[in-house]
Amino acid sequence: MKFPFKLDRPLIVFDIEATGISARADRIIELAAIRLEPNGEETLGYWLLNPGIPIPEESIAIHGITDEAVRDCPRFKEKALEILIYFGEADLAGFNAGRFDIPMLVEEFNRVGIFFDADRRRLLDAQRIFHSREPRDLTAALKFYCGDEHTDAHGAEADARATLNVIIGQFKRYPDLPLDMDALDRAFNPLDPLNADRAGRLRWVDGEVTVNFGKKKGAKLRELAVKDPGFLKWIAKNDFPPDTRLICENALLGIFPEPPRKKKD
């Protein structure tokens, strides 16, 4: 199936099934990806992994993968380099990938000492396009855009294929969508220049990084590092995005990010 616009570098459409939804506490069980090359070539990457922790019953009820099914499968650390090479320098695409699949993948790489820089890759998230036009889920999206029933929902390979089909259907339905990754990335993944991290948990105020949530909202990171380092340690050790934790870890070492440059008039 032909992709809607010409790619300027590889694009990987991928989906993850995991033991749960916490990037910090949970583990990847299944990873399926479709790599699209600018020349139209398509390759499938698939990994079934032993998460090293018990799979909760509630997760099994969603994706059907049991402890027994993955007992003899490799751990992520055994396949990390293979997965890293497969992803290469490609841009990323998925359904809700920005909130789930990408943080989960970044965290797994972090655990084995590999830095996977997702921020420098452009993102095409089919859910963001879909929710901006027709707020529903992947199954409804496949039916709406493609007229197909998603009979194997929550199987990673089937979900990745369904997501690719939805993306293609979206470009057919919305001819005004940008036809290059830079414009799509800017349109559907806007970055607030005052956010110090992608999630906006830390924010720039008057040239200082400040906390943007909870009881410490408004507190300066530089002052917390001296007066309340326990709060920064709490962020560093808990289920916050990797970039948020890194900023706090660095602050404890006396290293602070450079403030954003003001745009010239």
C-alpha atoms as a PDB file:
ATOM      1  CA  MET A   1       0.000   0.000   0.000  1.00  0.00           C
ATOM      2  CA  LYS A   2       1.482   3.328  -1.094  1.00  0.00           C
ATOM      3  CA  PHE A   3       2.225   5.889   1.637  1.00  0.00           C
ATOM      4  CA  PRO A   4       0.414   9.244   1.187  1.00  0.00           C
ATOM      5  CA  PHE A   5       3.507  11.419   0.754  1.00  0.00           C
ATOM      6  CA  LYS A   6       7.170  11.061  -0.078  1.00  0.00           C
ATOM      7  CA  LEU A   7       9.359  10.437   2.953  1.00  0.00           C
ATOM      8  CA  ASP A   8      12.694  12.186   3.312  1.00  0.00           C
ATOM      9  CA  ARG A   9      13.964   9.548   5.741  1.00  0.00           C
ATOM     10  CA  PRO A  10      12.714   6.205   7.094  1.00  0.00           C
ATOM     11  CA  LEU A  11       9.512   6.119   9.113  1.00  0.00           C
ATOM     12  CA  ILE A  12       8.792   3.390  11.673  1.00  0.00           C
ATOM     13  CA  VAL A  13       5.161   2.687  12.579  1.00  0.00           C
ATOM     14  CA  PHE A  14       5.234   0.648  15.776  1.00  0.00           C
ATOM     15  CA  ASP A  15       3.152  -0.672  18.633  1.00  0.00           C
ATOM     16  CA  ILE A  16       3.999  -2.067  22.060  1.00  0.00           C
ATOM     17  CA  GLU A  17       2.181  -4.431  24.414  1.00  0.00           C
ATOM     18  CA  ALA A  18       3.446  -4.296  27.995  1.00  0.00           C
ATOM     19  CA  THR A  19       2.869  -5.530  31.531  1.00  0.00           C
ATOM     20  CA  GLY A  20       1.067  -2.259  32.302  1.00  0.00           C
ATOM     21  CA  ILE A  21       0.974   1.436  31.450  1.00  0.00           C
ATOM     22  CA  SER A  22       3.796   2.793  33.631  1.00  0.00           C
ATOM     23  CA  ALA A  23       6.973   3.405  31.643  1.00  0.00           C
ATOM     24  CA  ARG A  24       9.035   3.329  34.836  1.00  0.00           C
ATOM     25  CA  ALA A  25       7.543   0.260  36.520  1.00  0.00           C
ATOM     26  CA  ASP A  26       6.316  -1.885  33.631  1.00  0.00           C
ATOM     27  CA  ARG A  27       8.129  -3.777  30.866  1.00  0.00           C
ATOM     28  CA  ILE A  28       7.680  -4.435  27.169  1.00  0.00           C
ATOM     29  CA  ILE A  29       6.330  -7.851  26.223  1.00  0.00           C
ATOM     30  CA  GLU A  30       5.703  -7.436  22.504  1.00  0.00           C
ATOM     31  CA  LEU A  31       7.114  -4.944  20.013  1.00  0.00           C
ATOM     32  CA  ALA A  32       6.048  -4.886  16.375  1.00  0.00           C
ATOM     33  CA  ALA A  33       7.161  -2.311  13.832  1.00  0.00           C
ATOM     34  CA  ILE A  34       6.775  -1.551  10.152  1.00  0.00           C
ATOM     35  CA  ARG A  35       9.741   0.334   8.700  1.00  0.00           C
ATOM     36  CA  LEU A  36       8.972   2.373   5.594  1.00  0.00           C
ATOM     37  CA  GLU A  37      11.914   3.533   3.478  1.00  0.00           C
ATOM     38  CA  PRO A  38      11.833   6.660   1.270  1.00  0.00           C
ATOM     39  CA  ASN A  39      12.087   4.368  -1.773  1.00  0.00           C
ATOM     40  CA  GLY A  40       8.871   2.568  -0.757  1.00  0.00           C
ATOM     41  CA  GLU A  41      10.530  -0.545   0.671  1.00  0.00           C
ATOM     42  CA  GLU A  42       8.810  -1.976   3.740  1.00  0.00           C
ATOM     43  CA  THR A  43      10.291  -4.277   6.412  1.00  0.00           C
ATOM     44  CA  LEU A  44       8.651  -5.790   9.488  1.00  0.00           C
ATOM     45  CA  GLY A  45      10.370  -5.946  12.858  1.00  0.00           C
ATOM     46  CA  TYR A  46       8.904  -8.156  15.571  1.00  0.00           C
ATOM     47  CA  TRP A  47      10.074  -9.081  19.070  1.00  0.00           C
ATOM     48  CA  LEU A  48       8.302 -11.171  21.718  1.00  0.00           C
ATOM     49  CA  LEU A  49      10.097 -10.603  25.012  1.00  0.00           C
ATOM     50  CA  ASN A  50      10.238 -11.990  28.528  1.00  0.00           C
ATOM     51  CA  PRO A  51       9.574  -8.919  30.712  1.00  0.00           C
ATOM     52  CA  GLY A  52      11.321 -10.432  33.738  1.00  0.00           C
ATOM     53  CA  ILE A  53       8.347  -9.606  35.965  1.00  0.00           C
ATOM     54  CA  PRO A  54       4.925 -11.265  36.320  1.00  0.00           C
ATOM     55  CA  ILE A  55       2.309 -10.179  33.798  1.00  0.00           C
ATOM     56  CA  PRO A  56      -0.782  -8.940  35.679  1.00  0.00           C
ATOM     57  CA  GLU A  57      -4.116 -10.618  34.954  1.00  0.00           C
ATOM     58  CA  GLU A  58      -5.626  -7.308  33.878  1.00  0.00           C
ATOM     59  CA  SER A  59      -2.911  -6.917  31.236  1.00  0.00           C
ATOM     60  CA  ILE A  60      -3.332 -10.505  30.045  1.00  0.00           C
ATOM     61  CA  ALA A  61      -7.043  -9.779  29.612  1.00  0.00           C
ATOM     62  CA  ILE A  62      -6.122  -6.999  27.159  1.00  0.00           C
ATOM     63  CA  HIS A  63      -3.405  -8.562  24.999  1.00  0.00           C
ATOM     64  CA  GLY A  64      -3.675 -12.283  25.828  1.00  0.00           C
ATOM     65  CA  ILE A  65       0.060 -12.795  26.420  1.00  0.00           C
ATOM     66  CA  THR A  66       0.763 -14.950  29.479  1.00  0.00           C
ATOM     67  CA  ASP A  67       3.873 -15.622  31.549  1.00  0.00           C
ATOM     68  CA  GLU A  68       4.011 -19.106  30.049  1.00  0.00           C
ATOM     69  CA  ALA A  69       3.937 -17.733  26.496  1.00  0.00           C
ATOM     70  CA  VAL A  70       7.083 -15.643  27.063  1.00  0.00           C
ATOM     71  CA  ARG A  71       8.889 -17.883  29.546  1.00  0.00           C
ATOM     72  CA  ASP A  72      11.591 -18.906  27.032  1.00  0.00           C
ATOM     73  CA  CYS A  73      11.710 -15.606  25.142  1.00  0.00           C
ATOM     74  CA  PRO A  74      14.739 -13.287  25.315  1.00  0.00           C
ATOM     75  CA  ARG A  75      14.850 -10.278  27.659  1.00  0.00           C
ATOM     76  CA  PHE A  76      14.902  -6.758  26.227  1.00  0.00           C
ATOM     77  CA  LYS A  77      18.589  -6.378  27.070  1.00  0.00           C
ATOM     78  CA  GLU A  78      19.394  -9.333  24.801  1.00  0.00           C
ATOM     79  CA  LYS A  79      17.636  -7.699  21.856  1.00  0.00           C
ATOM     80  CA  ALA A  80      18.349  -4.040  22.614  1.00  0.00           C
ATOM     81  CA  LEU A  81      21.113  -3.561  20.037  1.00  0.00           C
ATOM     82  CA  GLU A  82      19.114  -5.388  17.380  1.00  0.00           C
ATOM     83  CA  ILE A  83      16.121  -3.133  18.057  1.00  0.00           C
ATOM     84  CA  LEU A  84      18.319  -0.022  18.143  1.00  0.00           C
ATOM     85  CA  ILE A  85      19.842  -0.878  14.765  1.00  0.00           C
ATOM     86  CA  TYR A  86      16.405  -1.539  13.294  1.00  0.00           C
ATOM     87  CA  PHE A  87      15.124   1.869  14.464  1.00  0.00           C
ATOM     88  CA  GLY A  88      18.298   3.601  13.297  1.00  0.00           C
ATOM     89  CA  GLU A  89      17.706   7.293  12.577  1.00  0.00           C
ATOM     90  CA  ALA A  90      14.086   6.812  11.528  1.00  0.00           C
ATOM     91  CA  ASP A  91      11.175   9.059  12.411  1.00  0.00           C
ATOM     92  CA  LEU A  92       8.427   7.473  14.508  1.00  0.00           C
ATOM     93  CA  ALA A  93       4.725   6.836  14.031  1.00  0.00           C
ATOM     94  CA  GLY A  94       2.103   5.086  16.106  1.00  0.00           C
ATOM     95  CA  PHE A  95      -1.264   5.397  17.786  1.00  0.00           C
ATOM     96  CA  ASN A  96      -0.852   7.296  21.075  1.00  0.00           C
ATOM     97  CA  ALA A  97       2.876   6.672  20.664  1.00  0.00           C
ATOM     98  CA  GLY A  98       3.891   9.970  22.238  1.00  0.00           C
ATOM     99  CA  ARG A  99       2.253   9.115  25.553  1.00  0.00           C
ATOM    100  CA  PHE A 100       2.784   5.372  25.763  1.00  0.00           C
ATOM    101  CA  ASP A 101       4.930   3.517  23.221  1.00  0.00           C
ATOM    102  CA  ILE A 102       7.800   6.013  22.970  1.00  0.00           C
ATOM    103  CA  PRO A 103       8.239   6.583  26.755  1.00  0.00           C
ATOM    104  CA  MET A 104       8.073   2.803  27.269  1.00  0.00           C
ATOM    105  CA  LEU A 105      10.771   2.196  24.635  1.00  0.00           C
ATOM    106  CA  VAL A 106      12.994   5.016  25.948  1.00  0.00           C
ATOM    107  CA  GLU A 107      12.754   3.612  29.477  1.00  0.00           C
ATOM    108  CA  GLU A 108      13.658   0.073  28.382  1.00  0.00           C
ATOM    109  CA  PHE A 109      16.750   1.382  26.597  1.00  0.00           C
ATOM    110  CA  ASN A 110      17.664   3.462  29.658  1.00  0.00           C
ATOM    111  CA  ARG A 111      17.590   0.349  31.827  1.00  0.00           C
ATOM    112  CA  VAL A 112      20.268  -1.300  29.690  1.00  0.00           C
ATOM    113  CA  GLY A 113      22.423   1.834  29.485  1.00  0.00           C
ATOM    114  CA  ILE A 114      21.471   2.903  25.960  1.00  0.00           C
ATOM    115  CA  PHE A 115      20.313   6.438  25.205  1.00  0.00           C
ATOM    116  CA  PHE A 116      17.457   6.431  22.709  1.00  0.00           C
ATOM    117  CA  ASP A 117      16.923  10.034  21.673  1.00  0.00           C
ATOM    118  CA  ALA A 118      13.235  10.193  20.772  1.00  0.00           C
ATOM    119  CA  ASP A 119      13.095  14.001  20.910  1.00  0.00           C
ATOM    120  CA  ARG A 120      15.224  14.478  17.798  1.00  0.00           C
ATOM    121  CA  ARG A 121      12.932  12.197  15.797  1.00  0.00           C
ATOM    122  CA  ARG A 122       9.786  13.619  14.242  1.00  0.00           C
ATOM    123  CA  LEU A 123       6.546  11.985  15.345  1.00  0.00           C
ATOM    124  CA  LEU A 124       3.441  11.126  13.341  1.00  0.00           C
ATOM    125  CA  ASP A 125       0.822  10.084  15.891  1.00  0.00           C
ATOM    126  CA  ALA A 126      -2.325   8.807  14.191  1.00  0.00           C
ATOM    127  CA  GLN A 127      -4.294   9.284  17.406  1.00  0.00           C
ATOM    128  CA  ARG A 128      -3.576  13.011  17.496  1.00  0.00           C
ATOM    129  CA  ILE A 129      -4.783  13.476  13.927  1.00  0.00           C
ATOM    130  CA  PHE A 130      -7.781  11.257  14.652  1.00  0.00           C
ATOM    131  CA  HIS A 131      -8.743  12.954  17.911  1.00  0.00           C
ATOM    132  CA  SER A 132      -8.381  16.379  16.339  1.00  0.00           C
ATOM    133  CA  ARG A 133     -10.948  15.378  13.719  1.00  0.00           C
ATOM    134  CA  GLU A 134     -12.905  12.346  15.021  1.00  0.00           C
ATOM    135  CA  PRO A 135     -12.270  11.692  18.770  1.00  0.00           C
ATOM    136  CA  ARG A 136     -12.343   7.868  19.218  1.00  0.00           C
ATOM    137  CA  ASP A 137     -10.010   4.853  19.569  1.00  0.00           C
ATOM    138  CA  LEU A 138      -7.983   2.720  17.124  1.00  0.00           C
ATOM    139  CA  THR A 139     -10.786   0.234  16.452  1.00  0.00           C
ATOM    140  CA  ALA A 140     -13.211   3.043  15.619  1.00  0.00           C
ATOM    141  CA  ALA A 141     -10.530   4.812  13.571  1.00  0.00           C
ATOM    142  CA  LEU A 142      -9.936   1.729  11.416  1.00  0.00           C
ATOM    143  CA  LYS A 143     -13.658   1.366  10.778  1.00  0.00           C
ATOM    144  CA  PHE A 144     -14.155   5.082  10.142  1.00  0.00           C
ATOM    145  CA  TYR A 145     -11.211   5.632   7.792  1.00  0.00           C
ATOM    146  CA  CYS A 146     -10.871   2.199   6.185  1.00  0.00           C
ATOM    147  CA  GLY A 147     -14.249   0.510   6.637  1.00  0.00           C
ATOM    148  CA  ASP A 148     -12.512  -2.432   8.329  1.00  0.00           C
ATOM    149  CA  GLU A 149     -13.186  -4.279  11.565  1.00  0.00           C
ATOM    150  CA  HIS A 150     -10.178  -4.549  13.902  1.00  0.00           C
ATOM    151  CA  THR A 151     -10.590  -8.206  14.843  1.00  0.00           C
ATOM    152  CA  ASP A 152      -7.171  -8.585  16.495  1.00  0.00           C
ATOM    153  CA  ALA A 153      -7.088  -5.481  18.674  1.00  0.00           C
ATOM    154  CA  HIS A 154      -4.229  -5.330  21.204  1.00  0.00           C
ATOM    155  CA  GLY A 155      -1.972  -7.642  19.239  1.00  0.00           C
ATOM    156  CA  ALA A 156       1.103  -5.519  18.566  1.00  0.00           C
ATOM    157  CA  GLU A 157       1.556  -6.548  14.926  1.00  0.00           C
ATOM    158  CA  ALA A 158      -2.148  -6.160  14.131  1.00  0.00           C
ATOM    159  CA  ASP A 159      -2.277  -2.784  15.924  1.00  0.00           C
ATOM    160  CA  ALA A 160       0.785  -1.510  14.049  1.00  0.00           C
ATOM    161  CA  ARG A 161      -0.736  -2.593  10.723  1.00  0.00           C
ATOM    162  CA  ALA A 162      -4.093  -1.071  11.654  1.00  0.00           C
ATOM    163  CA  THR A 163      -2.345   2.189  12.589  1.00  0.00           C
ATOM    164  CA  LEU A 164      -0.567   2.328   9.211  1.00  0.00           C
ATOM    165  CA  ASN A 165      -3.873   1.761   7.431  1.00  0.00           C
ATOM    166  CA  VAL A 166      -5.529   4.492   9.530  1.00  0.00           C
ATOM    167  CA  ILE A 167      -2.750   6.971   8.658  1.00  0.00           C
ATOM    168  CA  ILE A 168      -3.212   6.236   4.960  1.00  0.00           C
ATOM    169  CA  GLY A 169      -6.984   6.603   5.343  1.00  0.00           C
ATOM    170  CA  GLN A 170      -6.557   9.924   7.147  1.00  0.00           C
ATOM    171  CA  PHE A 171      -4.550  11.409   4.291  1.00  0.00           C
ATOM    172  CA  LYS A 172      -7.207  10.291   1.820  1.00  0.00           C
ATOM    173  CA  ARG A 173      -9.982  11.862   3.894  1.00  0.00           C
ATOM    174  CA  TYR A 174      -8.153  15.098   4.793  1.00  0.00           C
ATOM    175  CA  PRO A 175      -6.417  16.459   1.668  1.00  0.00           C
ATOM    176  CA  ASP A 176      -5.402  19.579   3.635  1.00  0.00           C
ATOM    177  CA  LEU A 177      -3.015  17.629   5.888  1.00  0.00           C
ATOM    178  CA  PRO A 178       0.653  18.610   5.413  1.00  0.00           C
ATOM    179  CA  LEU A 179       2.578  16.274   3.131  1.00  0.00           C
ATOM    180  CA  ASP A 180       5.931  16.291   4.898  1.00  0.00           C
ATOM    181  CA  MET A 181       7.107  15.136   8.312  1.00  0.00           C
ATOM    182  CA  ASP A 182       8.408  18.540   9.470  1.00  0.00           C
ATOM    183  CA  ALA A 183       5.034  20.235   8.988  1.00  0.00           C
ATOM    184  CA  LEU A 184       3.131  17.283  10.479  1.00  0.00           C
ATOM    185  CA  ASP A 185       5.426  17.211  13.510  1.00  0.00           C
ATOM    186  CA  ARG A 186       4.915  20.946  14.091  1.00  0.00           C
ATOM    187  CA  ALA A 187       1.128  20.735  13.578  1.00  0.00           C
ATOM    188  CA  PHE A 188       0.353  17.791  15.848  1.00  0.00           C
ATOM    189  CA  ASN A 189       3.241  17.814  18.337  1.00  0.00           C
ATOM    190  CA  PRO A 190       3.566  21.508  19.202  1.00  0.00           C
ATOM    191  CA  LEU A 191       6.233  22.340  21.760  1.00  0.00           C
ATOM    192  CA  ASP A 192       5.676  25.143  24.251  1.00  0.00           C
ATOM    193  CA  PRO A 193       8.967  27.095  24.313  1.00  0.00           C
ATOM    194  CA  LEU A 194       8.433  27.876  28.002  1.00  0.00           C
ATOM    195  CA  ASN A 195       8.359  24.181  28.943  1.00  0.00           C
ATOM    196  CA  ALA A 196      11.708  22.976  30.246  1.00  0.00           C
ATOM    197  CA  ASP A 197      10.617  19.366  29.642  1.00  0.00           C
ATOM    198  CA  ARG A 198       8.250  17.986  27.025  1.00  0.00           C
ATOM    199  CA  ALA A 199       5.440  17.257  29.488  1.00  0.00           C
ATOM    200  CA  GLY A 200       5.495  20.769  30.980  1.00  0.00           C
ATOM    201  CA  ARG A 201       6.074  19.519  34.530  1.00  0.00           C
ATOM    202  CA  LEU A 202       8.977  21.983  34.663  1.00  0.00           C
ATOM    203  CA  ARG A 203       8.552  25.425  33.179  1.00  0.00           C
ATOM    204  CA  TRP A 204      10.590  28.554  32.532  1.00  0.00           C
ATOM    205  CA  VAL A 205       9.502  31.616  34.544  1.00  0.00           C
ATOM    206  CA  ASP A 206      11.642  34.760  34.423  1.00  0.00           C
ATOM    207  CA  GLY A 207      14.676  32.795  33.280  1.00  0.00           C
ATOM    208  CA  GLU A 208      14.393  30.132  36.001  1.00  0.00           C
ATOM    209  CA  VAL A 209      13.147  26.562  35.772  1.00  0.00           C
ATOM    210  CA  THR A 210      10.184  26.223  38.113  1.00  0.00           C
ATOM    211  CA  VAL A 211       7.955  23.352  39.179  1.00  0.00           C
ATOM    212  CA  ASN A 212       4.622  23.402  37.348  1.00  0.00           C
ATOM    213  CA  PHE A 213       2.558  20.923  39.409  1.00  0.00           C
ATOM    214  CA  GLY A 214       1.508  19.999  42.936  1.00  0.00           C
ATOM    215  CA  LYS A 215       2.288  21.748  46.216  1.00  0.00           C
ATOM    216  CA  LYS A 216       5.665  22.939  44.943  1.00  0.00           C
ATOM    217  CA  LYS A 217       4.202  24.663  41.896  1.00  0.00           C
ATOM    218  CA  GLY A 218       6.096  27.883  41.269  1.00  0.00           C
ATOM    219  CA  ALA A 219       9.156  26.838  43.271  1.00  0.00           C
ATOM    220  CA  LYS A 220      12.483  27.445  41.532  1.00  0.00           C
ATOM    221  CA  LEU A 221      14.532  24.377  40.708  1.00  0.00           C
ATOM    222  CA  ARG A 222      17.741  26.129  41.721  1.00  0.00           C
ATOM    223  CA  GLU A 223      16.376  26.881  45.202  1.00  0.00           C
ATOM    224  CA  LEU A 224      14.891  23.397  45.662  1.00  0.00           C
ATOM    225  CA  ALA A 225      18.290  21.853  44.930  1.00  0.00           C
ATOM    226  CA  VAL A 226      19.607  23.616  48.049  1.00  0.00           C
ATOM    227  CA  LYS A 227      16.605  23.884  50.382  1.00  0.00           C
ATOM    228  CA  ASP A 228      14.574  20.781  49.498  1.00  0.00           C
ATOM    229  CA  PRO A 229      16.697  18.267  47.563  1.00  0.00           C
ATOM    230  CA  GLY A 230      14.423  15.462  48.761  1.00  0.00           C
ATOM    231  CA  PHE A 231      11.684  16.718  46.445  1.00  0.00           C
ATOM    232  CA  LEU A 232      14.005  16.521  43.429  1.00  0.00           C
ATOM    233  CA  LYS A 233      15.159  13.062  44.504  1.00  0.00           C
ATOM    234  CA  TRP A 234      11.512  12.024  44.691  1.00  0.00           C
ATOM    235  CA  ILE A 235      10.956  13.130  41.091  1.00  0.00           C
ATOM    236  CA  ALA A 236      14.173  11.419  39.963  1.00  0.00           C
ATOM    237  CA  LYS A 237      13.162   8.085  41.493  1.00  0.00           C
ATOM    238  CA  ASN A 238       9.484   8.006  40.543  1.00  0.00           C
ATOM    239  CA  ASP A 239       7.328   7.557  37.456  1.00  0.00           C
ATOM    240  CA  PHE A 240       8.039  10.839  35.686  1.00  0.00           C
ATOM    241  CA  PRO A 241       9.159  11.167  32.037  1.00  0.00           C
ATOM    242  CA  PRO A 242      12.898  10.558  31.467  1.00  0.00           C
ATOM    243  CA  ASP A 243      13.656  14.179  30.514  1.00  0.00           C
ATOM    244  CA  THR A 244      11.908  15.478  33.662  1.00  0.00           C
ATOM    245  CA  ARG A 245      13.907  13.117  35.853  1.00  0.00           C
ATOM    246  CA  LEU A 246      17.168  13.994  34.103  1.00  0.00           C
ATOM    247  CA  ILE A 247      16.721  17.729  34.691  1.00  0.00           C
ATOM    248  CA  CYS A 248      16.102  17.077  38.401  1.00  0.00           C
ATOM    249  CA  GLU A 249      19.038  14.667  38.671  1.00  0.00           C
ATOM    250  CA  ASN A 250      21.307  17.276  37.089  1.00  0.00           C
ATOM    251  CA  ALA A 251      19.964  19.990  39.388  1.00  0.00           C
ATOM    252  CA  LEU A 252      21.042  17.895  42.386  1.00  0.00           C
ATOM    253  CA  LEU A 253      24.539  17.972  40.870  1.00  0.00           C
ATOM    254  CA  GLY A 254      24.398  21.746  40.395  1.00  0.00           C
ATOM    255  CA  ILE A 255      23.815  21.510  36.637  1.00  0.00           C
ATOM    256  CA  PHE A 256      20.930  23.568  35.265  1.00  0.00           C
ATOM    257  CA  PRO A 257      19.582  23.926  31.720  1.00  0.00           C
ATOM    258  CA  GLU A 258      20.201  27.066  29.687  1.00  0.00           C
ATOM    259  CA  PRO A 259      17.125  29.324  29.394  1.00  0.00           C
ATOM    260  CA  PRO A 260      15.450  29.481  25.955  1.00  0.00           C
ATOM    261  CA  ARG A 261      16.634  32.205  23.642  1.00  0.00           C
ATOM    262  CA  LYS A 262      14.229  35.024  23.013  1.00  0.00           C
ATOM    263  CA  LYS A 263      13.111  35.395  19.423  1.00  0.00           C
ATOM    264  CA  LYS A 264      14.310  38.521  17.681  1.00  0.00           C
ATOM    265  CA  ASP A 265      11.615  40.944  16.554  1.00  0.00           C
END
